[in-house]
Amino acid sequence: MAKKLVQTYSVFPNQDEISDVVVQPYNSLLTLKRLILNSDSVVVLDNTALNRIAEEKMKIDNPTFSHTNSLVSSVMAASTTTLRYPGYMNNDLVSLVAESFFYYSFQQSFYF
């Protein structure tokens, strides 16, 4: 049986607005660490950017949670399309996750 991969989608809070919870940025970082340790792929979405997209691109003056959720669901659907509709490339989560990492060659940076 093939190993199952866990992919998570998380929306991080606004940095522009004042929160009721003082430790909100710390909670976000601690949550991110736990997600990285317990899942194979973590997709982090910024709530400020989602609101900006809703305001500027979708021309919505005051975006609600349903508008933000619609954007998140669009990102989730777009990133997993190749899993639902088999094709030539990226037909499993392993290849999709493997191609989303950035690899840097350290050999080039050590020339003196």
Foldseek 3Di string as FASTA:
>chain_A
DDDDFDEEEEEQEDPVDDDPDPCRVVVVVVVVVVCVVPGDHYHYHYPVVLQVCCCPVVVDDDDDVVSSVVVVVVVVCVLCVCCVPPDDPDVDVVRSSVVVDDDDDCVVVPDD
